[in-house]
Protein backbone atom coordinates (compact mmCIF):
# COMPACT_ATOMS: atom_id res chain seq x y z
CA MET A 1 97.47 9.45 -7.56
CA PRO A 2 94.98 7.77 -5.21
CA ASN A 3 95.91 4.32 -4.00
CA GLY A 4 94.31 1.39 -2.15
CA ASP A 5 91.40 1.78 0.21
CA ASN A 6 92.38 5.36 1.03
CA TRP A 7 91.68 6.62 -2.46
CA GLN A 8 88.66 8.71 -1.43
CA GLY A 9 90.67 10.52 1.22
CA ASP A 10 93.45 11.15 -1.28
CA VAL A 11 90.99 12.55 -3.80
CA LEU A 12 89.29 14.83 -1.31
CA ARG A 13 92.64 16.08 -0.06
CA ASP A 14 93.78 16.81 -3.61
CA LEU A 15 90.65 18.82 -4.25
CA ARG A 16 90.59 20.76 -1.02
CA GLY A 17 94.27 21.40 -0.36
CA GLY A 18 96.97 22.67 -2.65
CA ALA A 19 96.97 24.69 -5.82
CA THR A 20 96.61 23.67 -9.43
CA PRO A 21 100.02 22.40 -10.53
CA GLN A 22 101.98 24.36 -13.05
CA GLY A 23 101.19 23.36 -16.61
CA ALA A 24 97.57 22.33 -16.02
CA PRO A 25 95.33 24.39 -18.32
CA GLN A 26 92.34 26.37 -17.13
CA GLN A 27 88.94 26.44 -18.78
CA GLN A 28 88.03 29.84 -20.14
CA GLY A 29 84.60 31.09 -19.27
CA THR A 30 84.06 28.47 -16.56
CA PRO A 31 84.45 28.69 -12.78
CA GLN A 32 87.99 28.76 -11.47
CA GLN A 33 89.57 25.31 -11.26
CA GLY A 34 92.02 24.15 -8.69
CA ALA A 35 91.91 23.60 -4.98
CA HIS A 36 88.98 25.88 -4.25
CA GLY A 37 85.77 27.03 -5.88
CA PRO A 38 84.38 30.58 -5.90
CA ALA A 39 85.33 32.69 -2.90
CA GLY A 40 87.70 30.02 -1.64
CA GLU A 41 84.99 27.44 -1.00
CA PRO A 42 86.26 23.86 -1.02
CA HIS A 43 84.94 21.55 -3.69
CA GLY A 44 82.13 19.47 -2.27
CA ALA A 45 80.32 22.47 -0.80
CA PRO A 46 77.58 23.71 -3.14
CA ALA A 47 78.48 26.98 -4.83
CA GLN A 48 76.21 29.77 -3.66
CA GLY A 49 73.85 31.21 -6.21
CA THR A 50 74.24 28.39 -8.71
CA PRO A 51 71.57 25.98 -9.93
CA GLY A 52 71.57 22.46 -8.55
CA TYR A 53 70.66 20.61 -5.41
CA GLU A 54 70.92 22.84 -2.37
CA ALA A 55 72.77 21.79 0.78
CA VAL A 56 69.90 23.09 2.93
CA PRO A 57 66.68 22.67 0.91
CA GLN A 58 63.99 25.32 0.84
CA PRO A 59 60.58 24.26 2.17
CA ALA A 60 59.06 24.23 -1.34
CA SER A 61 61.72 21.95 -2.80
CA GLY A 62 61.29 18.96 -0.49
CA TYR A 63 64.94 17.94 -0.82
CA PRO A 64 66.53 16.63 2.38
CA ALA A 65 69.94 17.94 3.33
CA PRO A 66 72.49 15.19 2.58
CA GLN A 67 74.16 13.62 5.58
CA GLN A 68 77.90 14.03 5.80
CA GLN A 69 79.68 10.95 4.51
CA ALA A 70 82.87 9.89 6.21
CA ALA A 71 85.83 10.21 3.88
CA GLY A 72 88.70 7.76 3.73
CA HIS A 73 91.75 8.22 5.89
CA PRO A 74 94.31 10.50 4.28
CA GLY A 75 97.41 8.72 3.11
CA ALA A 76 100.91 9.97 2.52
CA PRO A 77 101.28 13.27 0.60
CA GLN A 78 101.13 12.74 -3.13
CA GLN A 79 103.79 14.06 -5.47
CA GLN A 80 102.31 16.38 -8.09
CA TYR A 81 103.12 15.90 -11.75
CA ALA A 82 102.66 18.41 -14.52
CA PRO A 83 100.53 16.83 -17.26
CA ALA A 84 101.96 16.32 -20.71
CA ARG A 85 101.16 19.23 -22.96
CA PRO A 86 99.38 18.37 -26.21
CA GLN A 87 100.81 19.62 -29.48
CA ARG A 88 97.74 21.77 -30.11
CA THR A 89 95.58 23.58 -27.57
CA PRO A 90 91.98 23.71 -28.82
CA ASP A 91 90.10 26.99 -28.77
CA SER A 92 87.34 27.48 -26.23
CA ARG A 93 83.88 27.41 -27.81
CA PRO A 94 80.56 28.56 -26.31
CA VAL A 95 77.97 25.87 -25.68
CA VAL A 96 75.20 28.11 -27.06
CA ASP A 97 75.67 30.86 -29.62
CA GLN A 98 75.09 34.24 -28.00
CA GLY A 99 72.40 35.15 -30.51
CA LEU A 100 70.57 31.87 -29.99
CA ALA A 101 70.79 32.21 -26.23
CA LEU A 102 68.54 35.26 -26.45
CA THR A 103 65.75 33.14 -27.96
CA GLY A 104 65.31 31.10 -24.80
CA ARG A 105 62.30 31.83 -22.63
CA LYS A 106 62.28 32.20 -18.88
CA PRO A 107 62.45 28.69 -17.36
CA ARG A 108 59.09 27.30 -16.28
CA HIS A 109 58.37 25.34 -13.15
CA GLY A 110 57.90 21.64 -13.75
CA GLU A 111 54.31 21.69 -12.48
CA SER A 112 51.64 24.36 -12.41
CA PHE A 113 50.95 26.50 -9.35
CA ALA A 114 47.57 24.83 -8.91
CA ALA A 115 49.14 21.37 -8.93
CA ARG A 116 51.74 22.42 -6.37
CA ALA A 117 49.08 23.93 -4.10
CA THR A 118 46.91 20.82 -4.31
CA ARG A 119 49.85 18.53 -3.53
CA ASN A 120 50.90 20.62 -0.51
CA LEU A 121 47.32 20.53 0.80
CA ARG A 122 47.14 16.76 0.47
CA ARG A 123 50.43 16.34 2.29
CA THR A 124 49.11 18.23 5.32
CA VAL A 125 46.05 16.00 5.74
CA ALA A 126 47.37 12.61 4.62
CA SER A 127 49.88 10.09 5.85
CA SER A 128 51.64 10.09 2.47
CA ALA A 129 54.11 12.69 3.75
CA ALA A 130 55.59 10.23 6.25
CA ARG A 131 55.96 7.55 3.58
CA GLU A 132 57.55 10.09 1.25
CA VAL A 133 60.14 11.06 3.87
CA ALA A 134 60.88 7.39 4.58
CA ASP A 135 61.36 6.61 0.88
CA THR A 136 63.63 9.62 0.37
CA THR A 137 65.69 8.71 3.43
CA ALA A 138 66.13 5.15 2.18
CA SER A 139 67.29 6.41 -1.23
CA ALA A 140 69.70 8.85 0.38
CA GLU A 141 71.28 6.07 2.47
CA VAL A 142 71.92 4.06 -0.71
CA LEU A 143 73.37 7.05 -2.57
CA GLN A 144 75.79 7.83 0.25
CA GLN A 145 77.32 4.37 0.48
CA PRO A 146 81.12 4.43 0.18
CA VAL A 147 82.88 2.79 -2.75
CA THR A 148 86.29 1.15 -2.90
CA THR A 149 86.67 1.76 -6.64
CA GLY A 150 84.89 4.22 -8.90
CA ARG A 151 81.49 3.15 -10.20
CA GLN A 152 80.63 3.72 -13.87
CA ILE A 153 76.98 4.00 -14.92
CA ALA A 154 76.27 4.12 -18.66
CA VAL A 155 73.12 5.77 -20.05
CA THR A 156 72.01 4.94 -23.59
CA SER A 157 68.91 4.57 -25.74
CA ILE A 158 67.70 2.82 -28.84
CA ARG A 159 66.72 6.00 -30.66
CA GLY A 160 67.27 9.71 -30.33
CA GLY A 161 64.79 11.99 -28.60
CA SER A 162 64.14 9.64 -25.70
CA GLY A 163 65.56 11.93 -23.01
CA LYS A 164 68.90 10.12 -22.72
CA SER A 165 71.03 13.18 -21.94
CA THR A 166 68.34 14.54 -19.62
CA VAL A 167 68.34 11.31 -17.61
CA ALA A 168 72.16 11.32 -17.49
CA ALA A 169 72.12 14.89 -16.19
CA LEU A 170 69.53 14.06 -13.52
CA LEU A 171 71.46 10.99 -12.39
CA GLY A 172 74.82 12.73 -12.05
CA THR A 173 73.27 15.75 -10.33
CA ALA A 174 71.69 13.46 -7.72
CA TYR A 175 75.04 11.74 -7.07
CA ALA A 176 76.81 15.09 -6.78
CA HIS A 177 74.22 16.27 -4.27
CA TYR A 178 74.30 13.25 -1.98
CA ARG A 179 77.94 12.19 -2.19
CA GLN A 180 81.14 13.84 -0.99
CA ASP A 181 83.53 12.18 -3.42
CA PRO A 182 83.91 13.77 -6.88
CA VAL A 183 81.39 12.91 -9.60
CA LEU A 184 82.24 12.89 -13.30
CA PHE A 185 80.00 13.31 -16.34
CA VAL A 186 81.47 11.85 -19.54
CA GLU A 187 79.86 12.62 -22.87
CA ALA A 188 80.58 9.62 -25.08
CA ASP A 189 78.23 10.97 -27.74
CA PRO A 190 80.20 13.37 -29.94
CA SER A 191 77.37 13.99 -32.41
CA LEU A 192 76.00 17.30 -31.13
CA GLY A 193 75.09 15.96 -27.69
CA SER A 194 73.03 18.13 -25.36
CA LEU A 195 74.59 17.10 -22.03
CA PRO A 196 76.77 20.25 -21.61
CA LEU A 197 73.75 22.46 -22.23
CA ARG A 198 71.60 20.48 -19.79
CA LEU A 199 74.30 20.83 -17.12
CA GLY A 200 74.67 24.58 -17.62
CA ALA A 201 78.22 24.57 -19.02
CA GLU A 202 79.09 27.84 -20.73
CA THR A 203 82.17 26.98 -22.80
CA LEU A 204 83.93 23.81 -23.92
CA ARG A 205 87.55 23.16 -24.80
CA TRP A 206 89.05 19.75 -24.10
CA THR A 207 87.07 16.71 -25.26
CA THR A 208 87.18 12.98 -24.60
CA GLY A 209 89.25 12.48 -27.74
CA ASP A 210 91.71 15.21 -26.72
CA LEU A 211 92.20 13.82 -23.23
CA ALA A 212 92.97 10.34 -24.58
CA GLY A 213 96.30 11.64 -25.83
CA ILE A 214 97.09 13.56 -22.63
CA VAL A 215 96.09 11.54 -19.59
CA GLU A 216 98.91 9.64 -17.88
CA PRO A 217 98.80 7.21 -14.93
CA GLN A 218 101.01 9.43 -12.74
CA MET A 219 98.67 12.43 -12.93
CA SER A 220 97.02 13.71 -9.78
CA LEU A 221 93.38 14.74 -9.59
CA LEU A 222 94.41 18.39 -9.83
CA ASP A 223 96.21 17.65 -13.08
CA VAL A 224 93.20 15.91 -14.54
CA THR A 225 90.58 18.45 -13.51
CA GLY A 226 92.52 21.17 -15.30
CA TYR A 227 91.16 19.66 -18.52
CA LEU A 228 87.56 19.27 -17.30
CA VAL A 229 84.60 21.64 -17.02
CA GLN A 230 83.84 22.40 -13.40
CA LEU A 231 80.21 22.14 -12.28
CA PRO A 232 78.52 22.85 -8.93
CA ASN A 233 78.59 20.37 -6.05
CA ASN A 234 82.00 18.82 -6.71
CA ALA A 235 81.05 17.57 -10.18
CA TRP A 236 83.02 17.70 -13.44
CA LEU A 237 82.23 17.31 -17.13
CA LEU A 238 84.28 15.84 -19.97
CA PRO A 239 82.52 16.82 -23.22
CA GLY A 240 82.40 14.55 -26.26
CA SER A 241 82.82 17.35 -28.80
CA GLN A 242 82.68 21.10 -29.19
CA GLY A 243 79.36 21.03 -30.97
CA GLN A 244 81.00 20.30 -34.30
CA ILE A 245 79.28 18.17 -36.94
CA GLY A 246 81.17 15.03 -37.88
CA ALA A 247 83.15 14.70 -34.64
CA MET A 248 84.23 11.13 -34.00
CA LEU A 249 85.19 9.16 -30.89
CA GLU A 250 87.28 6.03 -31.32
CA THR A 251 86.76 3.03 -29.08
CA ARG A 252 90.41 2.92 -28.02
CA ALA A 253 90.36 6.60 -27.06
CA TYR A 254 87.25 6.08 -24.97
CA GLU A 255 88.69 3.03 -23.21
CA ARG A 256 91.96 4.82 -22.42
CA VAL A 257 90.19 7.79 -20.89
CA MET A 258 87.74 5.73 -18.84
CA VAL A 259 90.39 3.39 -17.44
CA SER A 260 92.57 6.36 -16.49
CA LEU A 261 89.84 8.51 -14.91
CA ARG A 262 87.99 5.83 -12.97
CA ARG A 263 90.37 6.01 -10.03
CA TYR A 264 89.66 9.70 -9.32
CA PHE A 265 85.85 9.78 -9.17
CA GLY A 266 83.41 7.95 -6.92
CA VAL A 267 80.73 7.80 -9.61
CA THR A 268 81.05 8.39 -13.35
CA VAL A 269 77.90 8.85 -15.45
CA VAL A 270 78.48 8.18 -19.15
CA ASP A 271 76.10 9.68 -21.71
CA CYS A 272 76.54 7.20 -24.58
CA GLU A 273 75.61 7.22 -28.23
CA THR A 274 72.42 5.45 -29.20
CA LEU A 275 72.64 1.73 -29.77
CA PRO A 276 74.11 -0.11 -31.65
CA ALA A 277 77.05 2.35 -31.92
CA GLU A 278 80.40 0.72 -31.13
CA VAL A 279 81.42 3.06 -28.32
CA ALA A 280 77.98 2.64 -26.72
CA ARG A 281 78.37 -1.16 -26.72
CA VAL A 282 81.84 -0.86 -25.18
CA ALA A 283 80.55 1.55 -22.53
CA LEU A 284 77.65 -0.73 -21.64
CA SER A 285 79.88 -3.78 -21.27
CA ALA A 286 82.45 -1.93 -19.15
CA ALA A 287 79.96 -0.18 -16.83
CA GLN A 288 78.85 -1.67 -13.53
CA ALA A 289 75.25 -0.57 -14.22
CA ARG A 290 73.30 0.42 -17.31
CA VAL A 291 70.36 2.78 -17.81
CA LEU A 292 68.32 2.36 -20.99
CA THR A 293 65.96 5.25 -21.77
CA ALA A 294 62.90 4.89 -23.98
CA PRO A 295 59.97 7.20 -24.73
CA ALA A 296 56.72 6.21 -23.03
CA THR A 297 55.04 5.35 -26.32
CA LEU A 298 53.91 2.09 -27.88
CA GLU A 299 56.82 2.26 -30.34
CA GLY A 300 59.31 2.97 -27.56
CA VAL A 301 58.09 0.12 -25.36
CA THR A 302 58.00 -2.32 -28.29
CA SER A 303 61.58 -1.53 -29.34
CA THR A 304 62.82 -1.68 -25.76
CA TYR A 305 61.17 -5.04 -25.18
CA ALA A 306 62.93 -6.43 -28.27
CA VAL A 307 66.31 -5.19 -27.00
CA LEU A 308 65.71 -6.67 -23.55
CA GLN A 309 64.84 -10.03 -25.11
CA TRP A 310 68.16 -9.89 -26.97
CA MET A 311 69.96 -9.03 -23.72
CA GLN A 312 68.51 -12.16 -22.12
CA GLY A 313 70.91 -14.14 -24.31
CA LEU A 314 73.93 -12.32 -22.84
CA PRO A 315 75.59 -13.12 -19.48
CA PRO A 316 72.96 -12.82 -16.71
CA HIS A 317 74.62 -9.82 -15.03
CA VAL A 318 73.97 -7.64 -18.10
CA ILE A 319 70.19 -7.53 -17.90
CA ALA A 320 70.20 -7.85 -14.10
CA GLY A 321 72.30 -4.67 -13.96
CA THR A 322 70.03 -2.71 -16.30
CA VAL A 323 67.39 -0.13 -15.40
CA VAL A 324 64.87 0.88 -18.08
CA VAL A 325 63.51 4.43 -17.81
CA LEU A 326 60.26 5.21 -19.60
CA THR A 327 60.25 8.97 -20.15
CA GLU A 328 56.94 10.76 -20.59
CA LEU A 329 57.76 13.39 -23.22
CA VAL A 330 54.19 14.70 -23.43
CA PRO A 331 51.42 14.87 -20.84
CA HIS A 332 48.83 12.09 -21.03
CA SER A 333 50.60 10.00 -23.65
CA GLY A 334 47.76 7.46 -23.71
CA LEU A 335 50.05 4.54 -22.88
CA ASP A 336 49.07 2.23 -20.03
CA LEU A 337 52.27 2.67 -18.03
CA GLY A 338 51.35 0.00 -15.51
CA GLU A 339 51.03 -2.67 -18.18
CA ALA A 340 54.15 -1.46 -19.98
CA VAL A 341 56.22 -1.63 -16.79
CA LYS A 342 54.86 -5.12 -16.03
CA LYS A 343 55.78 -6.39 -19.52
CA LEU A 344 59.31 -4.96 -19.48
CA THR A 345 59.96 -6.14 -15.91
CA SER A 346 59.20 -9.72 -16.99
CA THR A 347 62.52 -9.76 -18.88
CA GLY A 348 64.53 -9.40 -15.66
CA ALA A 349 65.34 -5.69 -15.96
CA SER A 350 64.34 -3.03 -13.45
CA VAL A 351 61.90 -0.43 -14.79
CA ARG A 352 61.26 3.14 -13.68
CA THR A 353 59.17 5.97 -15.14
CA LEU A 354 60.12 9.63 -15.43
CA PRO A 355 56.90 11.68 -15.46
CA TYR A 356 56.26 14.57 -17.82
CA ASP A 357 57.80 17.77 -16.52
CA ARG A 358 57.24 21.17 -18.09
CA HIS A 359 60.69 22.37 -17.07
CA LEU A 360 62.46 19.40 -18.66
CA ALA A 361 60.28 19.54 -21.77
CA ALA A 362 61.31 23.15 -22.45
CA GLY A 363 64.97 22.13 -22.84
CA GLY A 364 67.98 24.19 -21.77
CA THR A 365 69.81 24.08 -18.46
CA ILE A 366 68.17 21.92 -15.81
CA ARG A 367 67.45 23.85 -12.62
CA THR A 368 66.56 21.31 -9.97
CA GLU A 369 64.62 23.85 -7.88
CA LEU A 370 62.19 24.17 -10.80
CA LEU A 371 61.59 20.46 -11.27
CA ALA A 372 58.22 19.05 -10.34
CA HIS A 373 58.16 17.25 -7.01
CA SER A 374 57.34 13.94 -8.71
CA THR A 375 60.32 14.39 -11.05
CA ARG A 376 62.74 14.91 -8.18
CA GLU A 377 61.40 11.83 -6.42
CA ALA A 378 61.65 9.73 -9.59
CA ALA A 379 65.20 10.92 -10.32
CA THR A 380 66.35 10.14 -6.77
CA ARG A 381 64.86 6.64 -6.87
CA LEU A 382 66.40 6.00 -10.28
CA ALA A 383 69.82 7.16 -9.08
CA ALA A 384 69.56 4.88 -6.04
CA ASP A 385 68.54 1.92 -8.21
CA ALA A 386 71.42 2.38 -10.64
CA PHE A 387 73.95 2.88 -7.84
CA ARG A 388 72.71 -0.21 -5.97
CA LEU A 389 73.14 -2.29 -9.12
CA SER A 390 76.62 -0.86 -9.70
CA GLN A 391 77.66 -1.95 -6.21
CA GLN A 392 76.70 -5.54 -6.99
CA ARG A 393 79.07 -5.72 -9.97
CA HIS A 394 82.85 -5.47 -9.42
């Protein structure tokens, strides 16, 4: 179990050295879990041939290679504990039915070929390229800042269909790309959430509710990750359900899991239920930063403004630690985004926009190499904003 200021070094050592302790279950249909990833690669190095941010970006992607972050100093060797076995081991279920998976089309690039060609031409003859590199570098420096305790960032919305799970997936993927400490996705939305599908998980077994009755303070990171879905780039997923209708998540179960897991992961992104669900309110109050997604429509902006006015009556840190994301679900929505951002910013919250992206709009697994350039930039800035706010709240 990590301890004190050396917790990051302890976590990294647990991941990269030693085998999975006896008694920790393995996910079926997911990458091997334990001390190493495919072909013996240590966690933290991107898995070859898998979607996600690349360690060395291709020229077309525009992603900078993340700088190596210094890990904490390793402490004394940790004793490994076998986790308590639950009375019932749930069956592994596929995220997408095999028959339905065949209906999906080939993923599209986020922007058309003509738009990409025009943008590349402008970058060669304008000074915007230098500003773009400077902005990206500044965001990367924020995202790589060390933490003394795990940061929790909760993502929620007022209504469904606002891109909440998509934003959560983009945030966590950015953290996993830029940081060396482990990143955790928690799905606190058991009602047929789409986060596992967006992250490319193939099968699900253990859920947030299941882990609440299993996790113990003396567990090591290797014990805990045996119950999680492994993702590329040293990231992990704890699903909220197995795609079953009527699944429930109790507030106490959520609190127990989050308190227990916080010590193992540098950043935890929580995909919450829509407001005003009880678990969502608990997650928002416990998180160090909050992200509120809303569709870039007149109805979405109006509802969000009403919620922000209500938040102004709460302790000042609540709205000061909130980032609103206006998601463009269709091209040319007709909303004056500049005026909308100005109105929402007047409440004291930070506001960002996520532009329309053909790849995101098609649904399915997010492949970052297919995202539009503007989407990658917006996601990186949003991740930096949320992380900066989380560092200001202890």
